[in-house]
Protein backbone atom coordinates (compact mmCIF):
# COMPACT_ATOMS: atom_id res chain seq x y z
CA MET A 1 135.49 29.53 37.69
CA ALA A 2 136.23 33.28 37.86
CA ASN A 3 135.24 35.08 41.03
CA GLN A 4 133.56 38.48 41.10
CA SER A 5 136.89 40.30 41.36
CA ASP A 6 138.15 38.86 38.05
CA ALA A 7 137.93 40.62 34.71
CA ASP A 8 138.70 39.75 31.11
CA LEU A 9 140.64 42.96 30.60
CA VAL A 10 141.64 46.01 32.61
CA ILE A 11 142.66 49.42 31.26
CA ARG A 12 144.95 50.73 34.01
CA GLY A 13 145.36 54.30 35.20
CA GLY A 14 143.95 56.19 32.22
CA THR A 15 142.34 59.62 32.23
CA VAL A 16 138.69 58.73 31.76
CA PHE A 17 136.43 60.91 29.61
CA ASP A 18 133.18 59.09 30.30
CA GLY A 19 131.16 60.61 27.45
CA THR A 20 128.81 62.71 29.60
CA GLY A 21 130.80 65.91 29.15
CA GLY A 22 131.90 65.93 32.78
CA ALA A 23 135.42 66.55 34.00
CA PRO A 24 137.90 63.72 33.26
CA PHE A 25 139.25 61.58 36.11
CA VAL A 26 141.96 58.98 36.56
CA ALA A 27 140.67 55.43 37.01
CA ASP A 28 140.94 51.80 35.95
CA VAL A 29 138.28 50.41 33.61
CA ALA A 30 137.59 46.69 34.04
CA VAL A 31 135.78 44.69 31.36
CA LEU A 32 134.01 41.35 31.72
CA GLY A 33 131.87 39.52 29.18
CA GLY A 34 131.89 42.38 26.71
CA ARG A 35 130.60 44.92 29.22
CA ILE A 36 132.13 47.37 31.63
CA LEU A 37 132.48 45.68 35.01
CA GLU A 38 133.90 48.47 37.12
CA ILE A 39 135.39 51.96 36.89
CA GLY A 40 137.70 52.99 39.71
CA ALA A 41 140.67 51.43 41.49
CA PHE A 42 140.27 47.83 40.30
CA ALA A 43 142.03 45.41 42.63
CA GLY A 44 141.06 42.19 40.87
CA HIS A 45 142.88 40.10 38.31
CA ALA A 46 142.49 40.20 34.54
CA GLY A 47 143.58 38.06 31.65
CA GLN A 48 144.82 41.14 29.79
CA GLU A 49 145.91 44.61 30.86
CA ILE A 50 146.49 47.84 28.94
CA ASP A 51 148.67 50.51 30.49
CA ALA A 52 146.80 53.78 29.94
CA ARG A 53 148.76 56.04 32.28
CA GLY A 54 148.91 59.51 30.74
CA LYS A 55 146.44 58.45 28.03
CA MET A 56 142.80 59.32 27.31
CA VAL A 57 140.18 56.61 27.81
CA THR A 58 136.92 57.32 25.98
CA PRO A 59 133.81 55.50 24.83
CA GLY A 60 134.01 54.24 21.27
CA PHE A 61 132.95 56.88 18.76
CA ILE A 62 129.59 56.62 16.98
CA ASP A 63 129.40 57.80 13.36
CA VAL A 64 125.75 58.37 12.42
CA HIS A 65 126.31 59.19 8.73
CA THR A 66 128.10 56.56 6.63
CA HIS A 67 127.54 54.62 3.41
CA TYR A 68 129.14 51.32 4.33
CA ASP A 69 126.11 49.42 2.91
CA GLY A 70 128.26 47.86 0.17
CA GLN A 71 131.49 47.49 2.13
CA LEU A 72 129.59 45.53 4.78
CA ILE A 73 128.84 42.95 2.09
CA TRP A 74 132.33 42.55 0.63
CA SER A 75 134.59 43.31 3.59
CA GLU A 76 134.96 42.40 7.25
CA THR A 77 136.62 45.73 8.09
CA LEU A 78 134.87 49.09 8.02
CA SER A 79 138.00 51.06 7.39
CA PRO A 80 139.09 53.76 7.61
CA SER A 81 136.48 54.43 10.33
CA SER A 82 137.58 51.57 12.56
CA ALA A 83 141.16 52.94 12.54
CA HIS A 84 139.95 56.29 13.89
CA GLY A 85 138.23 55.24 17.10
CA VAL A 86 134.81 54.53 15.60
CA THR A 87 133.07 51.48 17.05
CA THR A 88 129.52 51.96 15.69
CA VAL A 89 128.45 53.23 12.26
CA VAL A 90 125.03 53.93 10.74
CA THR A 91 124.34 53.19 7.06
CA GLY A 92 121.46 53.87 4.67
CA ASN A 93 121.86 57.65 4.74
CA CYS A 94 120.86 60.13 2.01
CA GLY A 95 118.14 57.74 0.84
CA VAL A 96 120.56 55.49 -1.05
CA GLY A 97 121.34 51.85 -0.45
CA PHE A 98 120.88 48.37 -1.88
CA ALA A 99 117.58 47.14 -0.45
CA PRO A 100 114.84 46.57 -1.12
CA CYS A 101 115.69 45.89 -4.75
CA ARG A 102 114.21 43.65 -7.42
CA PRO A 103 116.67 41.74 -9.63
CA ALA A 104 115.60 43.77 -12.66
CA ASP A 105 116.61 46.99 -10.88
CA HIS A 106 120.16 46.06 -9.85
CA THR A 107 121.79 48.05 -12.65
CA ARG A 108 119.55 51.07 -12.13
CA LEU A 109 120.35 51.18 -8.42
CA ILE A 110 124.07 50.75 -9.09
CA LYS A 111 123.97 53.68 -11.54
CA LEU A 112 122.33 55.83 -8.88
CA LEU A 113 124.96 54.94 -6.27
CA GLU A 114 127.71 55.52 -8.82
CA GLY A 115 126.46 59.05 -9.43
CA VAL A 116 125.35 60.11 -5.95
CA GLU A 117 128.08 58.46 -3.89
CA ASP A 118 130.97 57.94 -6.34
CA MET A 119 130.88 54.14 -5.99
CA PRO A 120 132.33 52.70 -9.23
CA GLU A 121 129.99 50.44 -11.17
CA VAL A 122 132.54 47.62 -11.49
CA VAL A 123 133.13 47.64 -7.73
CA LEU A 124 129.43 47.34 -6.97
CA ALA A 125 128.74 44.84 -9.74
CA ASP A 126 131.56 42.53 -8.61
CA GLY A 127 131.34 43.19 -4.88
CA LEU A 128 127.63 42.66 -4.27
CA ALA A 129 126.25 39.13 -4.13
CA TRP A 130 122.64 40.33 -4.54
CA ASP A 131 121.40 37.33 -2.59
CA TRP A 132 118.55 39.45 -1.24
CA GLU A 133 115.52 41.34 -2.46
CA THR A 134 113.64 42.56 0.59
CA PHE A 135 115.12 44.66 3.36
CA PRO A 136 114.97 41.84 5.96
CA GLN A 137 116.82 39.61 3.47
CA PHE A 138 119.49 42.32 3.11
CA ILE A 139 119.94 42.34 6.88
CA ASP A 140 120.35 38.57 6.81
CA ALA A 141 123.05 38.98 4.14
CA LEU A 142 124.92 41.53 6.26
CA GLU A 143 124.90 39.23 9.25
CA ARG A 144 126.43 36.35 7.32
CA ARG A 145 129.82 38.11 7.48
CA ALA A 146 131.77 38.98 10.63
CA HIS A 147 132.90 42.61 11.03
CA ASP A 148 135.37 44.53 13.13
CA ILE A 149 132.89 47.12 14.48
CA ASP A 150 129.15 47.43 15.05
CA TYR A 151 126.77 48.78 12.43
CA ALA A 152 123.17 49.96 12.32
CA VAL A 153 121.05 50.18 9.18
CA GLN A 154 118.41 52.56 7.91
CA LEU A 155 115.86 51.99 5.16
CA PRO A 156 116.98 54.00 2.08
CA HIS A 157 114.10 55.97 0.59
CA ALA A 158 115.39 55.94 -3.03
CA ALA A 159 115.68 52.15 -3.06
CA LEU A 160 112.26 51.86 -1.42
CA ARG A 161 110.63 54.17 -3.96
CA MET A 162 112.19 52.34 -6.92
CA TYR A 163 111.16 48.98 -5.47
CA VAL A 164 107.54 50.06 -5.14
CA MET A 165 107.17 52.31 -8.20
CA GLY A 166 109.71 50.98 -10.72
CA GLU A 167 110.34 53.32 -13.67
CA ARG A 168 107.75 55.78 -12.35
CA ALA A 169 110.05 56.60 -9.43
CA VAL A 170 112.83 57.61 -11.80
CA ASP A 171 110.42 59.59 -13.98
CA LYS A 172 109.43 61.85 -11.04
CA ALA A 173 105.89 60.48 -10.94
CA GLU A 174 103.92 61.13 -7.77
CA ALA A 175 103.21 58.02 -5.72
CA THR A 176 99.65 56.71 -5.78
CA GLU A 177 97.71 55.83 -2.64
CA ALA A 178 98.56 52.19 -3.28
CA ASP A 179 102.25 53.05 -3.65
CA ILE A 180 102.25 54.98 -0.40
CA ALA A 181 100.47 52.18 1.43
CA GLU A 182 103.09 49.71 0.22
CA MET A 183 105.95 52.00 1.30
CA ARG A 184 104.35 52.22 4.72
CA ARG A 185 104.15 48.42 4.93
CA ILE A 186 107.78 47.97 3.92
CA ALA A 187 108.91 50.62 6.43
CA ARG A 188 107.07 48.73 9.16
CA GLU A 189 108.71 45.50 7.98
CA ALA A 190 112.18 47.09 7.93
CA VAL A 191 111.97 48.46 11.46
CA ALA A 192 110.58 45.15 12.71
CA ALA A 193 113.65 43.49 11.16
CA GLY A 194 116.02 45.89 12.92
CA ALA A 195 116.28 49.17 10.98
CA LEU A 196 116.87 52.19 13.22
CA GLY A 197 115.15 54.57 10.82
CA PHE A 198 114.98 55.69 7.21
CA GLY A 199 117.14 58.06 5.17
CA THR A 200 116.00 60.42 2.42
CA SER A 201 117.38 63.22 0.26
CA ARG A 202 115.82 66.25 -1.40
CA ASN A 203 119.16 67.48 -2.76
CA ILE A 204 118.79 68.13 -6.49
CA PHE A 205 122.57 67.74 -6.85
CA HIS A 206 122.23 64.09 -5.84
CA THR A 207 122.10 62.68 -9.37
CA ALA A 208 122.93 59.56 -11.31
CA LEU A 209 125.69 59.82 -13.92
CA ASP A 210 123.10 60.47 -16.63
CA GLY A 211 121.94 63.55 -14.74
CA ALA A 212 118.72 62.05 -13.40
CA VAL A 213 117.91 63.54 -9.99
CA ILE A 214 117.58 61.15 -7.04
CA PRO A 215 113.99 59.74 -7.03
CA THR A 216 113.25 61.13 -3.57
CA ALA A 217 114.00 64.79 -4.38
CA HIS A 218 110.37 65.73 -4.94
CA SER A 219 108.55 63.21 -2.76
CA PRO A 220 105.43 64.80 -1.26
CA GLU A 221 104.88 65.24 2.45
CA ALA A 222 102.16 62.59 2.53
CA GLU A 223 104.60 59.97 1.29
CA LEU A 224 107.22 60.86 3.89
CA ARG A 225 104.61 60.85 6.62
CA ALA A 226 103.35 57.41 5.60
CA ILE A 227 106.86 55.95 5.76
CA ALA A 228 107.36 57.45 9.22
CA GLU A 229 103.96 56.09 10.28
CA GLY A 230 105.07 52.65 9.16
CA MET A 231 108.16 52.97 11.36
CA ARG A 232 106.03 54.06 14.31
CA GLU A 233 103.78 51.04 13.91
CA ALA A 234 106.83 48.80 14.40
CA GLY A 235 108.25 50.70 17.37
CA GLY A 236 109.56 53.92 15.82
CA GLY A 237 112.73 55.14 14.16
CA VAL A 238 114.80 58.17 13.25
CA ILE A 239 114.15 60.21 10.10
CA GLN A 240 117.46 61.21 8.45
CA ALA A 241 117.12 63.95 5.85
CA ILE A 242 119.24 65.82 3.34
CA LEU A 243 117.61 69.17 2.60
CA ASN A 244 117.63 70.76 -0.83
CA VAL A 245 120.32 73.45 -0.74
CA GLN A 246 117.98 75.72 -2.72
CA THR A 247 115.02 75.40 -0.32
CA PRO A 248 116.43 74.25 3.03
CA LYS A 249 114.07 76.20 5.30
CA PRO A 250 110.78 74.99 3.72
CA ASP A 251 112.21 71.48 3.62
CA LEU A 252 113.09 71.57 7.31
CA GLU A 253 109.65 72.93 8.19
CA MET A 254 108.07 70.04 6.29
CA PHE A 255 110.24 67.43 7.99
CA LEU A 256 109.44 68.97 11.37
CA ARG A 257 105.74 68.54 10.63
CA VAL A 258 106.26 64.92 9.59
CA ALA A 259 108.40 64.18 12.65
CA GLU A 260 105.91 65.78 15.04
CA ALA A 261 102.92 63.99 13.50
CA THR A 262 104.62 60.59 13.75
CA ALA A 263 106.54 61.10 17.03
CA SER A 264 109.80 60.46 15.13
CA PRO A 265 113.21 61.87 16.06
CA LEU A 266 114.63 63.87 13.16
CA SER A 267 118.19 64.51 12.04
CA PHE A 268 119.34 66.57 9.08
CA SER A 269 122.58 67.84 7.53
CA LEU A 270 123.54 71.40 8.44
CA LEU A 271 126.02 73.20 6.19
CA GLN A 272 127.28 76.70 5.56
CA VAL A 273 126.86 77.08 1.82
CA ILE A 274 128.89 79.44 -0.34
CA GLY A 275 127.01 82.34 -1.86
CA ALA A 276 124.28 84.79 -0.99
CA ASP A 277 122.69 82.37 1.50
CA SER A 278 125.88 81.56 3.41
CA GLY A 279 124.19 82.68 6.65
CA GLU A 280 121.07 80.56 6.24
CA TRP A 281 122.54 77.87 8.47
CA LYS A 282 121.86 80.15 11.44
CA ALA A 283 118.11 80.13 10.79
CA LEU A 284 118.14 76.34 10.44
CA LEU A 285 120.07 76.01 13.69
CA ASP A 286 117.68 78.37 15.47
CA ALA A 287 114.75 76.26 14.25
CA THR A 288 116.47 73.14 15.59
CA VAL A 289 116.98 74.69 19.02
CA ALA A 290 113.37 75.93 19.10
CA ALA A 291 112.01 72.51 18.16
CA ASN A 292 113.93 70.82 20.96
CA ALA A 293 112.79 73.47 23.44
CA ALA A 294 109.24 72.55 22.43
CA GLY A 295 109.94 68.89 23.18
CA GLN A 296 110.60 67.67 19.64
CA PRO A 297 113.90 65.74 19.28
CA VAL A 298 115.80 67.20 16.32
CA THR A 299 119.54 66.88 15.71
CA ALA A 300 121.63 68.74 13.15
CA GLN A 301 124.56 66.81 11.69
CA VAL A 302 127.67 68.99 11.27
CA PHE A 303 130.93 68.27 9.50
CA PRO A 304 133.87 69.58 11.58
CA ARG A 305 135.92 70.93 8.66
CA PRO A 306 135.26 72.19 5.10
CA VAL A 307 132.91 70.05 3.03
CA GLY A 308 134.51 69.60 -0.35
CA VAL A 309 136.38 67.37 -2.74
CA LEU A 310 139.97 66.16 -2.84
CA LEU A 311 141.45 66.81 -6.27
CA GLY A 312 144.38 64.85 -7.66
CA LEU A 313 145.73 63.00 -10.67
CA ASP A 314 144.87 59.67 -9.03
CA ALA A 315 141.52 60.93 -7.70
CA THR A 316 138.19 61.15 -9.50
CA TYR A 317 138.49 64.85 -10.28
CA HIS A 318 141.13 67.53 -10.75
CA PRO A 319 141.20 70.90 -12.57
CA PHE A 320 142.22 69.39 -15.92
CA ALA A 321 140.18 66.18 -15.85
CA ALA A 322 137.66 67.58 -18.35
CA HIS A 323 140.30 68.92 -20.75
CA PRO A 324 140.36 66.88 -24.00
CA ALA A 325 144.16 67.24 -24.13
CA TYR A 326 144.40 65.60 -20.71
CA ARG A 327 141.83 62.93 -21.50
CA ARG A 328 144.08 61.67 -24.28
CA ILE A 329 146.59 60.53 -21.64
CA ALA A 330 144.19 59.88 -18.73
CA HIS A 331 144.28 56.12 -19.33
CA LEU A 332 148.02 55.86 -18.69
CA PRO A 333 149.40 54.56 -15.37
CA LEU A 334 150.08 57.41 -12.95
CA ALA A 335 153.87 57.39 -13.26
CA GLU A 336 153.73 57.41 -17.06
CA ARG A 337 151.04 60.10 -17.02
CA VAL A 338 153.16 62.30 -14.75
CA ALA A 339 156.17 61.85 -17.02
CA ARG A 340 154.10 62.91 -20.02
CA MET A 341 152.65 65.91 -18.16
CA ARG A 342 156.17 67.09 -17.36
CA GLN A 343 156.99 67.27 -21.05
CA PRO A 344 156.82 70.92 -22.21
CA GLU A 345 154.64 70.16 -25.24
CA THR A 346 152.08 68.22 -23.16
CA ARG A 347 152.04 70.92 -20.49
CA ALA A 348 151.46 73.62 -23.12
CA ALA A 349 148.68 71.64 -24.80
CA ILE A 350 146.77 70.99 -21.57
CA LEU A 351 147.14 74.55 -20.29
CA ALA A 352 145.95 75.95 -23.62
CA ASP A 353 142.93 73.62 -23.71
CA HIS A 354 139.42 74.32 -22.48
CA PRO A 355 137.34 72.00 -20.25
CA GLN A 356 134.34 70.13 -21.59
CA PRO A 357 132.64 69.10 -18.32
CA GLY A 358 129.38 67.86 -19.78
CA GLY A 359 127.38 69.40 -16.96
CA GLN A 360 129.09 67.49 -14.16
CA VAL A 361 129.07 69.80 -11.14
CA PHE A 362 132.33 68.47 -9.67
CA PHE A 363 134.23 69.23 -12.89
CA LEU A 364 133.05 72.81 -12.51
CA LEU A 365 133.97 73.00 -8.81
CA ALA A 366 137.43 71.68 -9.61
CA ARG A 367 138.19 74.92 -11.41
CA VAL A 368 136.94 77.45 -8.84
CA PHE A 369 140.49 78.35 -7.85
CA GLN A 370 139.47 80.86 -5.17
CA THR A 371 138.21 77.92 -3.08
CA ILE A 372 140.98 75.39 -3.82
CA TYR A 373 144.09 74.97 -1.64
CA PRO A 374 147.12 72.66 -1.46
CA LEU A 375 146.36 70.03 1.19
CA GLY A 376 149.96 69.21 2.15
CA GLU A 377 151.70 66.25 3.79
CA ARG A 378 150.39 67.41 7.17
CA PRO A 379 146.91 68.17 5.89
CA ASN A 380 145.73 71.72 6.52
CA TYR A 381 141.95 71.86 6.67
CA GLU A 382 141.77 75.53 7.69
CA PRO A 383 144.07 77.21 5.17
CA ASP A 384 144.53 80.96 5.01
CA SER A 385 142.96 82.76 2.06
CA SER A 386 146.47 83.69 0.87
CA GLN A 387 147.08 79.97 0.19
CA SER A 388 144.29 79.52 -2.36
CA ILE A 389 145.40 78.60 -5.87
CA ALA A 390 144.08 81.96 -7.09
CA ALA A 391 146.03 83.88 -4.43
CA LEU A 392 149.23 81.89 -5.01
CA ALA A 393 148.96 82.54 -8.74
CA ALA A 394 148.53 86.28 -8.21
CA ALA A 395 151.51 86.39 -5.83
CA ARG A 396 153.74 84.47 -8.28
CA GLY A 397 152.65 86.26 -11.43
CA LEU A 398 151.29 83.03 -12.92
CA THR A 399 147.87 81.82 -13.99
CA PRO A 400 145.87 79.63 -11.58
CA ASP A 401 146.07 76.84 -14.16
CA GLU A 402 149.87 76.95 -14.10
CA VAL A 403 150.02 76.82 -10.30
CA ALA A 404 147.49 73.99 -10.07
CA TYR A 405 149.26 72.01 -12.79
CA ASP A 406 152.61 72.15 -11.03
CA LEU A 407 151.12 71.34 -7.60
CA LEU A 408 149.40 68.24 -8.98
CA LEU A 409 152.75 66.86 -10.17
CA GLU A 410 154.31 67.04 -6.70
CA GLY A 411 155.01 63.80 -4.86
CA GLY A 412 155.13 61.84 -8.09
CA GLY A 413 151.58 62.87 -8.89
CA HIS A 414 150.16 61.85 -5.51
CA ALA A 415 149.67 65.42 -4.26
CA LEU A 416 146.11 66.46 -3.39
CA LEU A 417 144.28 69.77 -3.49
CA LEU A 418 141.41 70.63 -1.13
CA GLN A 419 138.30 72.08 -2.76
CA THR A 420 136.14 73.81 -0.12
CA ALA A 421 132.57 73.67 -1.41
CA SER A 422 130.77 74.33 1.91
CA ASN A 423 131.54 75.26 5.53
CA TYR A 424 134.21 77.69 4.32
CA ALA A 425 132.32 80.69 2.96
CA ASP A 426 134.29 83.01 5.27
CA GLN A 427 137.58 81.22 4.51
CA ASN A 428 137.78 80.07 8.12
CA LEU A 429 135.98 77.58 10.37
CA GLU A 430 134.29 80.01 12.75
CA ALA A 431 130.83 79.10 11.44
CA VAL A 432 131.69 75.43 11.93
CA ARG A 433 132.74 76.14 15.50
CA ALA A 434 129.40 77.82 16.18
CA MET A 435 127.59 74.77 14.79
CA LEU A 436 129.72 72.26 16.69
CA THR A 437 129.23 74.04 20.03
CA ALA A 438 125.51 74.69 19.60
CA PRO A 439 122.99 72.51 21.43
CA CYS A 440 121.33 69.71 19.48
CA THR A 441 124.16 69.03 17.00
CA VAL A 442 126.49 66.09 16.46
CA PRO A 443 129.61 65.83 14.29
CA ALA A 444 128.90 63.66 11.25
CA LEU A 445 128.75 63.62 7.43
CA GLY A 446 132.00 61.69 6.99
CA ASP A 447 130.35 59.46 4.35
CA GLY A 448 132.58 56.45 5.06
CA GLY A 449 132.16 53.83 2.34
CA ALA A 450 131.31 56.37 -0.38
CA HIS A 451 132.96 58.95 -2.64
CA TYR A 452 135.93 56.59 -2.82
CA GLY A 453 137.94 58.71 -5.26
CA MET A 454 136.81 62.14 -4.01
CA ILE A 455 137.03 62.40 -0.22
CA CYS A 456 138.34 60.75 2.90
CA ASP A 457 136.10 62.45 5.45
CA SER A 458 135.26 59.52 7.73
CA THR A 459 138.50 60.32 9.58
CA TYR A 460 136.91 63.47 11.02
CA THR A 461 136.92 61.92 14.50
CA THR A 462 140.71 62.22 14.68
CA PHE A 463 140.63 65.71 13.20
CA LEU A 464 137.98 66.83 15.69
CA LEU A 465 140.02 65.65 18.66
CA ALA A 466 143.43 66.82 17.48
CA TYR A 467 142.55 70.09 15.79
CA TRP A 468 139.59 71.41 17.74
CA GLY A 469 140.87 70.01 21.03
CA ARG A 470 144.58 70.88 20.75
CA ASP A 471 146.04 72.42 17.59
CA ARG A 472 143.78 75.27 16.53
CA ARG A 473 145.35 78.62 17.37
CA ARG A 474 142.10 80.11 18.65
CA GLY A 475 138.70 78.89 19.75
CA LEU A 476 139.56 75.41 21.05
CA ILE A 477 136.64 73.26 22.15
CA PRO A 478 136.96 71.56 25.58
CA LEU A 479 137.89 67.89 25.25
CA PRO A 480 135.02 66.59 27.43
CA ARG A 481 132.58 68.34 25.11
CA ILE A 482 134.26 66.93 22.00
CA VAL A 483 134.15 63.38 23.40
CA ARG A 484 130.50 63.76 24.37
CA SER A 485 129.64 64.96 20.86
CA MET A 486 131.01 61.73 19.35
CA THR A 487 129.69 59.31 21.98
CA MET A 488 126.78 60.07 24.29
CA ALA A 489 125.16 62.65 21.97
CA PRO A 490 124.85 60.40 18.88
CA ALA A 491 123.82 57.44 21.07
CA ALA A 492 121.00 59.57 22.47
CA MET A 493 120.03 60.70 18.97
CA LEU A 494 119.65 57.07 17.88
CA GLY A 495 117.99 55.98 21.12
CA LEU A 496 120.82 53.57 22.01
CA ALA A 497 121.25 53.41 25.77
CA ASP A 498 123.77 50.55 25.84
CA ARG A 499 126.72 52.58 24.48
CA GLY A 500 128.12 56.10 24.25
CA ARG A 501 129.09 56.34 27.94
CA LEU A 502 131.50 54.63 30.27
CA ALA A 503 129.57 53.16 33.18
CA PRO A 504 129.26 49.71 34.77
CA GLY A 505 126.90 47.48 32.81
CA LEU A 506 127.25 49.29 29.50
CA LYS A 507 128.83 47.87 26.37
CA ALA A 508 132.64 47.84 26.51
CA ASP A 509 133.34 49.92 23.39
CA LEU A 510 136.41 51.99 24.29
CA ASN A 511 139.37 53.92 22.98
CA VAL A 512 142.76 54.42 24.61
CA ILE A 513 144.36 57.47 23.00
CA ASP A 514 147.79 59.02 23.31
CA PHE A 515 146.46 62.55 22.87
CA GLU A 516 149.82 64.29 22.57
CA ARG A 517 150.84 61.92 19.78
CA LEU A 518 147.50 62.02 17.96
CA THR A 519 148.29 62.89 14.34
CA LEU A 520 146.27 62.75 11.13
CA HIS A 521 148.35 61.99 8.04
CA ALA A 522 147.64 62.97 4.44
CA PRO A 523 145.09 60.85 2.55
CA ARG A 524 146.50 58.24 0.20
CA MET A 525 145.05 56.07 -2.51
CA VAL A 526 144.84 52.29 -2.10
CA ARG A 527 143.39 49.66 -4.41
CA ASP A 528 141.69 47.12 -2.19
CA LEU A 529 138.09 47.29 -3.39
CA PRO A 530 136.52 44.49 -5.44
CA SER A 531 138.05 44.23 -8.93
CA GLY A 532 141.01 46.31 -7.76
CA GLY A 533 138.90 49.41 -7.28
CA ARG A 534 140.59 52.40 -5.68
CA ARG A 535 139.70 54.38 -2.60
CA LEU A 536 141.22 57.11 -0.50
CA THR A 537 142.23 56.20 3.02
CA GLN A 538 143.97 58.12 5.80
CA ASP A 539 146.24 56.94 8.60
CA ALA A 540 146.58 58.26 12.14
CA ASP A 541 149.03 57.92 14.99
CA GLY A 542 147.99 57.94 18.63
CA TYR A 543 145.31 55.26 18.91
CA VAL A 544 146.83 52.94 21.52
CA ALA A 545 143.86 50.57 21.45
CA THR A 546 140.25 50.35 20.31
CA LEU A 547 137.85 47.84 21.85
CA VAL A 548 134.48 46.60 20.63
CA SER A 549 132.43 44.55 23.09
CA GLY A 550 135.56 44.18 25.19
CA GLN A 551 137.72 42.80 22.36
CA VAL A 552 140.73 44.74 21.12
CA ILE A 553 140.27 45.30 17.39
CA GLN A 554 143.45 47.37 16.93
CA ARG A 555 146.62 48.13 18.90
CA ASP A 556 148.85 51.06 17.95
CA GLY A 557 147.24 51.33 14.54
CA VAL A 558 147.59 47.64 13.71
CA PRO A 559 144.39 45.56 13.35
CA THR A 560 144.28 42.48 15.58
CA GLY A 561 141.94 40.49 13.35
CA ALA A 562 139.20 40.39 16.00
CA ARG A 563 135.69 40.49 14.56
CA PRO A 564 133.28 41.28 17.43
CA GLY A 565 131.14 43.67 15.37
CA ARG A 566 127.46 42.96 15.01
CA MET A 567 124.30 44.64 13.80
CA VAL A 568 122.74 47.09 16.24
CA ARG A 569 119.05 46.24 16.47
CA ARG A 570 116.06 47.96 18.00
CA SER A 571 116.47 45.75 21.06
CA ASP A 572 119.68 47.69 21.84
CA GLN A 573 117.66 50.75 22.75
CA SER A 574 117.88 49.84 26.40
CA ALA A 575 120.89 48.89 28.47
CA GLU A 576 120.84 45.36 29.76
């Protein structure tokens, strides 16, 4: 029998960033039974040791905005997040998800996810077992599979509305009193089963492929309040909201009223949009600070780099994807397509053609060359304005189409372009820095598990550490503050007191990081989804080890096969 000086594992001599934002210190971290046993000079014995001298030791990162709802069903690994120091993710954001759902609505819900979150229909159709209908049954289905990291779930408003209202939800009908009462009941049931909150979206650009706007876009305040009341009746939960980019301030004011009336913490997405209202984020941030000063818990979710789309020949979109001349060869394997595109006659035909986007907003964004940049092998997420496709074309005496065409053919057609739709109105990240360093914000919006062929943003944790903590030429953010923003701050937002800090008795979710070697590589396409579906992933160097509940899930970038991940329930709101 082990004595009190024994441990399962000891991380020796690392520089500890404990998640509180305080100054780092050198110490051992001993782990026993999945929890932190001791922090200091540990003199006992351990079955396993990790040499962390000269390395960072941090709490595991918490990503509050993901869409791993489907991947949790068909996969044991929540990658790429779990390869970038993340040990807890939250799903059910933006109001989309897979439960509750009646069998007759499976296709309709899949079509919505395909449009809003770029999840291919064949992947969802083949990857989802659909052995659930209610939200508690969905939770049971999630727990039947082991996972590498922890996950929390939220009740998705769009699925809830469609479950209660059927076709009327899609047709923008207003919910009846009976509808609202049923939504309230289901919200109470979901939180009782373990949901940490509910997610909703008012973004009119969240549409299905047929152009239908997400069913929650025009939901009245009374409906939102009833859902939040249902959560409160079961113990409470967080409201996660996407504001309409056209009316963000009135939307935030409404959500603040709902949150205050139901004693619900609120979180919402904060972006710097391009256009006349590019400074509106400041007013939203000021409102967030004021609400917290008045005692109302509100958190703004901020993405630490430009919000946009990756464009490429093997991605979902690129500048010529809507050209009929390109569509005639789009079905070809990449290598054959590239060979054809290098032929002078094909090049001339595509460049002379005109796009037929059919109203799809991303096709239009893919041709705004003033906001599109080469990403590069060492991805540059804060490019200079002189590197835009438009600027490069002007400097070379070419058209933007010619420059974009040639860039897409680099690397055998694997090259990617970065389209900066938001957070880059000033062609720099100064606004993002102001958001990241403001009170009451957390880094988020990585959307892991969604937009498979468009983005790879769930790797923002590595970018935040390496770029904002080390590589940016001006305006670095102190490392203790960065670590706190990805650990203690999101844990507090969710009400989870058992993680997010390094202290005896807390859950042993940890990272050991070689900070000087921390490197984010270019995104690459893999085909490991159900039915051979594709997704972008992104590798990193520098993660020496990541632990979940005291078990090492990866060493030096290589998964160990450990599956300690579990669902984070309401009972985890207090440390044991």
